[in-house]
């Protein structure tokens, strides 16, 4: 299909923008389920999941309406135990769309550079955003659009995968959680950063397992950091109470 290749997407957009289309071409274009907004939405999503926030926002804005889907939950809210339904049911003072989500992510990135003393907080919020836009977060719908392929999107050439993007990937979230934890001197905050980093590690482990595997992740680096350096924090005790896996791991 055309959307599998960037080249074909560009050609289709050019065709859609043509003003000299014949009556027959217009007839078939009216029947065609894919609109220009769908093509731009896919392109923006690909850039977002590669970490290109500026490119994603520019793509959304190039085609108004391509990023206007309203998210069901606050994409910057996280918990010790993920609860999508809770987040979707919770009242929201701000309703985010895909486009406004990217705008806020970009704004926090800019603020982190301008306000280095608060950079850890901004990076943590960005990490929450990256986590929630993954399969495991309350904003997994950010990944979904008419033209993506379930959990995988990317550019293909002669059936060969190139630059494939996985919705299951939490590496961007993990990187920003670790960046935030490294910059902060607040132990309670650091504990939260390293626990969320550990969740990203576990998500990676479980998505790489076969369905019938009975393995469990033991070598979770950020769990070890929590236990060795942050076990005297209140947040550590909260994790022990709420996360049965971490409680079992510590034993």
Foldseek 3Di string as FASTA:
>chain_A
DQLLAPVSLVVVVVVVPDPPDDPVVVVVVVVDPDDNLQSLLLVLLLCVLVVNLVVSLVSCVVDDPSFFAWAQFDLQDDDLDADLVVRSPDDDPDIDTLNVLSVLLVVLVVVCVVPVVCVLVSLLSNLSNLCQCAPRHNRVCSNDGPPADVQWGAHDDPNHGDSIGGSLQSVSSLVSLVVSLVSDPDLQSNLVSLSVNLVNVQSVVVVPDDPPDPDHDQPRPSLVCCVPPRCPDPVVVVSCVPPVVSVVNVD
